[in-house]
N, C-alpha and C. Protein backbone atom coordinates (compact mmCIF):
# COMPACT_ATOMS: atom_id res chain seq x y z
N MET A 1 229.61 -150.60 -34.32
CA MET A 1 230.52 -151.38 -35.22
C MET A 1 231.35 -152.64 -34.52
N ALA A 2 232.34 -151.32 -34.07
CA ALA A 2 233.51 -151.65 -33.05
C ALA A 2 232.78 -152.21 -31.70
N GLU A 3 231.79 -152.68 -30.86
CA GLU A 3 230.66 -152.91 -30.07
C GLU A 3 230.42 -153.82 -30.34
N ARG A 4 230.36 -154.15 -31.30
CA ARG A 4 229.35 -155.04 -32.62
C ARG A 4 230.77 -156.41 -32.31
N PHE A 5 231.60 -155.99 -32.68
CA PHE A 5 233.23 -157.22 -33.57
C PHE A 5 233.37 -156.92 -32.29
N SER A 6 233.52 -156.73 -30.96
CA SER A 6 234.44 -156.75 -29.36
C SER A 6 235.90 -155.75 -30.31
N MET A 7 235.75 -154.92 -30.08
CA MET A 7 237.14 -153.91 -30.57
C MET A 7 237.21 -152.95 -31.11
N TYR A 8 237.85 -152.35 -30.31
CA TYR A 8 237.98 -150.51 -30.64
C TYR A 8 238.73 -149.82 -31.85
N VAL A 9 238.93 -148.45 -31.58
CA VAL A 9 239.93 -148.29 -33.22
C VAL A 9 241.00 -147.56 -32.15
N GLU A 10 242.60 -148.05 -32.87
CA GLU A 10 243.09 -146.73 -32.47
C GLU A 10 243.82 -145.97 -33.77
N TYR A 11 244.31 -144.88 -33.42
CA TYR A 11 244.64 -143.82 -34.96
C TYR A 11 245.91 -143.61 -34.81
N GLY A 12 246.77 -144.01 -35.25
CA GLY A 12 247.76 -143.89 -36.18
C GLY A 12 248.38 -143.45 -37.56
N ALA A 13 248.70 -143.53 -38.04
CA ALA A 13 249.55 -143.82 -38.98
C ALA A 13 248.14 -143.88 -40.53
N TYR A 14 247.53 -145.59 -39.99
CA TYR A 14 246.30 -145.47 -40.42
C TYR A 14 245.64 -145.92 -39.24
N PRO A 15 243.81 -146.22 -39.43
CA PRO A 15 242.80 -146.75 -37.62
C PRO A 15 243.34 -148.35 -38.18
N HIS A 16 243.57 -149.00 -36.91
CA HIS A 16 243.34 -149.93 -36.96
C HIS A 16 242.42 -150.35 -35.88
N ARG A 17 241.52 -152.49 -35.75
CA ARG A 17 241.39 -152.44 -34.73
C ARG A 17 241.36 -153.10 -34.53
N LYS A 18 241.10 -152.55 -32.59
CA LYS A 18 241.98 -153.70 -31.74
C LYS A 18 241.05 -154.29 -30.93
N ARG A 19 241.11 -155.45 -30.23
CA ARG A 19 240.66 -156.13 -29.54
C ARG A 19 240.95 -155.77 -28.57
N PRO A 20 239.71 -156.25 -27.18
CA PRO A 20 240.18 -155.42 -25.70
C PRO A 20 242.20 -155.55 -25.31
N ASP A 21 242.14 -157.33 -25.34
CA ASP A 21 244.09 -157.12 -25.04
C ASP A 21 244.58 -156.85 -26.11
N ASP A 22 244.48 -155.63 -26.90
CA ASP A 22 245.23 -154.93 -28.07
C ASP A 22 246.05 -156.26 -28.54
N THR A 23 245.15 -156.66 -29.07
CA THR A 23 245.62 -157.92 -30.81
C THR A 23 245.15 -156.94 -31.79
N GLU A 24 245.52 -157.21 -32.35
CA GLU A 24 245.40 -155.71 -33.74
C GLU A 24 245.10 -156.93 -34.76
N LEU A 25 243.57 -156.44 -35.39
CA LEU A 25 242.42 -157.37 -36.58
C LEU A 25 242.66 -156.92 -37.76
N ALA A 26 242.97 -155.09 -37.82
CA ALA A 26 242.24 -154.80 -39.25
C ALA A 26 243.23 -153.67 -38.83
N ALA A 27 243.24 -153.36 -40.36
CA ALA A 27 244.07 -152.17 -40.89
C ALA A 27 243.46 -151.22 -41.46
N VAL A 28 242.93 -150.12 -41.99
CA VAL A 28 241.79 -149.17 -42.97
C VAL A 28 242.96 -148.14 -43.27
N GLN A 29 243.10 -148.02 -44.55
CA GLN A 29 243.71 -147.22 -44.86
C GLN A 29 242.33 -145.97 -45.93
N GLU A 30 242.57 -145.05 -45.46
CA GLU A 30 241.50 -144.71 -45.87
C GLU A 30 241.26 -142.95 -46.48
N TRP A 31 242.48 -142.46 -46.75
CA TRP A 31 242.77 -141.69 -46.98
C TRP A 31 243.00 -141.68 -49.07
N THR A 32 242.86 -142.27 -50.18
CA THR A 32 242.91 -141.95 -51.54
C THR A 32 241.76 -141.94 -51.17
N ASN A 33 241.61 -141.91 -52.65
CA ASN A 33 239.98 -142.70 -53.38
C ASN A 33 239.84 -144.05 -53.10
N ALA A 34 240.79 -144.77 -53.16
CA ALA A 34 240.11 -146.45 -52.77
C ALA A 34 240.86 -146.56 -51.65
N THR A 35 239.76 -147.42 -50.37
CA THR A 35 240.11 -147.95 -49.21
C THR A 35 240.89 -149.46 -49.81
N LEU A 36 242.05 -149.47 -48.96
CA LEU A 36 242.58 -150.93 -48.23
C LEU A 36 242.01 -151.15 -47.26
N VAL A 37 241.80 -152.26 -46.89
CA VAL A 37 242.05 -152.62 -45.49
C VAL A 37 242.51 -154.30 -45.29
N PHE A 38 243.23 -154.19 -43.79
CA PHE A 38 244.27 -155.35 -44.40
C PHE A 38 243.72 -156.29 -43.22
N LEU A 39 243.75 -157.46 -43.35
CA LEU A 39 242.65 -158.35 -42.12
C LEU A 39 244.19 -159.06 -41.67
N ARG A 40 244.11 -159.75 -40.17
CA ARG A 40 245.15 -160.58 -39.91
C ARG A 40 244.06 -161.91 -39.50
N SER A 41 245.03 -162.85 -40.51
CA SER A 41 244.82 -164.16 -41.25
C SER A 41 243.98 -165.10 -40.38
N SER A 42 244.04 -164.39 -38.47
CA SER A 42 243.80 -166.06 -38.19
C SER A 42 242.55 -165.24 -37.70
N TYR A 43 242.12 -164.10 -37.62
CA TYR A 43 240.90 -163.16 -37.28
C TYR A 43 239.57 -164.22 -37.85
N GLY A 44 238.75 -164.72 -37.42
CA GLY A 44 237.42 -166.01 -37.90
C GLY A 44 236.58 -165.06 -38.64
N ARG A 45 236.14 -163.30 -37.98
CA ARG A 45 235.27 -163.33 -38.40
C ARG A 45 235.68 -161.94 -39.59
N LYS A 46 236.62 -162.27 -40.71
CA LYS A 46 237.01 -161.82 -41.20
C LYS A 46 235.97 -161.44 -42.28
N GLU A 47 234.95 -162.37 -43.04
CA GLU A 47 234.23 -161.76 -44.07
C GLU A 47 233.26 -161.56 -43.83
N LYS A 48 232.39 -161.30 -42.12
CA LYS A 48 231.57 -160.78 -41.55
C LYS A 48 232.12 -159.04 -41.23
N LEU A 49 233.43 -159.09 -40.92
CA LEU A 49 233.60 -157.80 -40.71
C LEU A 49 233.35 -156.87 -42.05
N LEU A 50 234.57 -157.73 -42.91
CA LEU A 50 234.35 -157.24 -45.07
C LEU A 50 233.15 -156.29 -45.15
N THR A 51 231.68 -157.00 -44.30
CA THR A 51 230.65 -156.92 -45.45
C THR A 51 230.01 -155.77 -44.40
N ALA A 52 230.24 -155.34 -43.18
CA ALA A 52 229.40 -154.86 -41.82
C ALA A 52 230.51 -153.02 -42.16
N MET A 53 231.74 -152.88 -42.62
CA MET A 53 232.13 -151.67 -42.68
C MET A 53 231.70 -151.00 -43.95
N PRO A 54 230.78 -151.55 -45.88
CA PRO A 54 230.20 -150.46 -46.22
C PRO A 54 228.89 -150.51 -45.03
N GLU A 55 228.27 -151.44 -44.78
CA GLU A 55 227.06 -151.24 -44.38
C GLU A 55 226.89 -150.26 -42.80
N ALA A 56 227.93 -150.06 -42.27
CA ALA A 56 227.66 -149.41 -42.07
C ALA A 56 228.71 -147.44 -41.75
N LEU A 57 228.92 -147.49 -42.64
CA LEU A 57 229.40 -146.31 -43.60
C LEU A 57 228.48 -145.10 -44.52
N LYS A 58 227.47 -146.10 -44.76
CA LYS A 58 226.16 -145.75 -45.58
C LYS A 58 225.39 -144.57 -44.86
N PRO A 59 225.33 -143.58 -45.77
CA PRO A 59 224.76 -142.68 -45.24
C PRO A 59 224.05 -142.72 -44.38
């Protein structure tokens, strides 16, 4: 999925999705019973990324 959206994942307090130039696009809090996704408002493919995340996590 990272390759599809031209990004990589950097792990810290929570995973960050970043572009190759280190611009942060999204952060995901995934350690509770609810997953929160924080997206940079300037990212033009927000909706496509949000739709792709659950699809990528399906067993």
